[in-house]
Amino acid sequence: METPQDDLGERLASLRQQHRDLDGAIASLEKTGTGDQLQLRRLKKQKLQLKDEISQLEDQLLPDIIA
C-alpha cells in the first residue's frame, strides 16, 4: 500500500523530470535562435513555477531541522 510520502516522492520525481525537460527545451531554443522571446519567457516562467512546486514538496518530505 502506498503512503502519502510515496505519492509525494513520485510527484517530486515527475516535477524534476519536467523541469529538466523544460531546461533542455529552453537551452535548445536559445542555442538555435528559433524561439521567439515570448515563447522563451513562457517556458522560463513555467520552469520557475515547477521549481517552486519542487521546493514545496521537498519541504514536506524533509522535516525541518531545529538547530
C-alpha atoms as a PDB file:
ATOM      1  CA  MET A   1       0.000   0.000   0.000  1.00  0.00           C
ATOM      2  CA  GLU A   2       1.356   3.404  -0.982  1.00  0.00           C
ATOM      3  CA  THR A   3       1.749   6.029   1.677  1.00  0.00           C
ATOM      4  CA  PRO A   4       1.279   9.759   1.177  1.00  0.00           C
ATOM      5  CA  GLN A   5       5.085  10.003   1.315  1.00  0.00           C
ATOM      6  CA  ASP A   6       5.319   7.660  -1.673  1.00  0.00           C
ATOM      7  CA  ASP A   7       2.827   9.783  -3.589  1.00  0.00           C
ATOM      8  CA  LEU A   8       4.810  12.925  -2.818  1.00  0.00           C
ATOM      9  CA  GLY A   9       8.036  11.224  -3.870  1.00  0.00           C
ATOM     10  CA  GLU A  10       6.546  10.158  -7.191  1.00  0.00           C
ATOM     11  CA  ARG A  11       5.142  13.640  -7.790  1.00  0.00           C
ATOM     12  CA  LEU A  12       8.538  15.139  -6.940  1.00  0.00           C
ATOM     13  CA  ALA A  13      10.313  12.852  -9.411  1.00  0.00           C
ATOM     14  CA  SER A  14       7.809  13.780 -12.112  1.00  0.00           C
ATOM     15  CA  LEU A  15       8.241  17.506 -11.481  1.00  0.00           C
ATOM     16  CA  ARG A  16      12.025  17.193 -11.554  1.00  0.00           C
ATOM     17  CA  GLN A  17      11.811  15.432 -14.922  1.00  0.00           C
ATOM     18  CA  GLN A  18       9.530  18.150 -16.293  1.00  0.00           C
ATOM     19  CA  HIS A  19      11.972  20.782 -15.008  1.00  0.00           C
ATOM     20  CA  ARG A  20      14.883  19.063 -16.788  1.00  0.00           C
ATOM     21  CA  ASP A  21      12.843  18.769 -19.986  1.00  0.00           C
ATOM     22  CA  LEU A  22      11.999  22.461 -19.911  1.00  0.00           C
ATOM     23  CA  ASP A  23      15.625  23.314 -19.242  1.00  0.00           C
ATOM     24  CA  GLY A  24      16.634  21.357 -22.338  1.00  0.00           C
ATOM     25  CA  ALA A  25      13.931  22.968 -24.462  1.00  0.00           C
ATOM     26  CA  ILE A  26      14.941  26.452 -23.330  1.00  0.00           C
ATOM     27  CA  ALA A  27      18.617  25.776 -23.990  1.00  0.00           C
ATOM     28  CA  SER A  28      17.809  24.410 -27.429  1.00  0.00           C
ATOM     29  CA  LEU A  29      15.686  27.411 -28.363  1.00  0.00           C
ATOM     30  CA  GLU A  30      18.347  29.823 -27.128  1.00  0.00           C
ATOM     31  CA  LYS A  31      21.107  27.969 -28.965  1.00  0.00           C
ATOM     32  CA  THR A  32      19.323  27.736 -32.308  1.00  0.00           C
ATOM     33  CA  GLY A  33      17.675  31.133 -32.057  1.00  0.00           C
ATOM     34  CA  THR A  34      14.453  29.685 -33.474  1.00  0.00           C
ATOM     35  CA  GLY A  35      12.257  30.519 -30.500  1.00  0.00           C
ATOM     36  CA  ASP A  36      10.616  33.882 -30.126  1.00  0.00           C
ATOM     37  CA  GLN A  37      11.134  35.850 -26.936  1.00  0.00           C
ATOM     38  CA  LEU A  38       7.545  35.419 -25.783  1.00  0.00           C
ATOM     39  CA  GLN A  39       7.812  31.636 -26.060  1.00  0.00           C
ATOM     40  CA  LEU A  40      11.108  31.660 -24.147  1.00  0.00           C
ATOM     41  CA  ARG A  41       9.621  33.815 -21.391  1.00  0.00           C
ATOM     42  CA  ARG A  42       6.649  31.473 -21.051  1.00  0.00           C
ATOM     43  CA  LEU A  43       8.918  28.436 -20.808  1.00  0.00           C
ATOM     44  CA  LYS A  44      11.137  30.127 -18.243  1.00  0.00           C
ATOM     45  CA  LYS A  45       8.108  31.147 -16.185  1.00  0.00           C
ATOM     46  CA  GLN A  46       6.796  27.589 -16.299  1.00  0.00           C
ATOM     47  CA  LYS A  47      10.228  26.319 -15.227  1.00  0.00           C
ATOM     48  CA  LEU A  48      10.235  28.708 -12.244  1.00  0.00           C
ATOM     49  CA  GLN A  49       6.759  27.559 -11.226  1.00  0.00           C
ATOM     50  CA  LEU A  50       7.952  23.952 -11.325  1.00  0.00           C
ATOM     51  CA  LYS A  51      10.983  24.880  -9.231  1.00  0.00           C
ATOM     52  CA  ASP A  52       8.718  26.481  -6.619  1.00  0.00           C
ATOM     53  CA  GLU A  53       6.474  23.416  -6.517  1.00  0.00           C
ATOM     54  CA  ILE A  54       9.524  21.148  -6.227  1.00  0.00           C
ATOM     55  CA  SER A  55      10.785  23.209  -3.283  1.00  0.00           C
ATOM     56  CA  GLN A  56       7.420  22.981  -1.537  1.00  0.00           C
ATOM     57  CA  LEU A  57       7.303  19.197  -1.954  1.00  0.00           C
ATOM     58  CA  GLU A  58      10.875  18.822  -0.724  1.00  0.00           C
ATOM     59  CA  ASP A  59       9.963  20.839   2.359  1.00  0.00           C
ATOM     60  CA  GLN A  60       7.039  18.494   3.015  1.00  0.00           C
ATOM     61  CA  LEU A  61       9.205  15.401   2.615  1.00  0.00           C
ATOM     62  CA  LEU A  62      12.166  16.639   4.650  1.00  0.00           C
ATOM     63  CA  PRO A  63      11.339  17.712   8.183  1.00  0.00           C
ATOM     64  CA  ASP A  64      12.815  20.960   9.426  1.00  0.00           C
ATOM     65  CA  ILE A  65      15.956  20.546  11.482  1.00  0.00           C
ATOM     66  CA  ILE A  66      15.919  22.661  14.598  1.00  0.00           C
ATOM     67  CA  ALA A  67      19.401  23.886  15.385  1.00  0.00           C
END
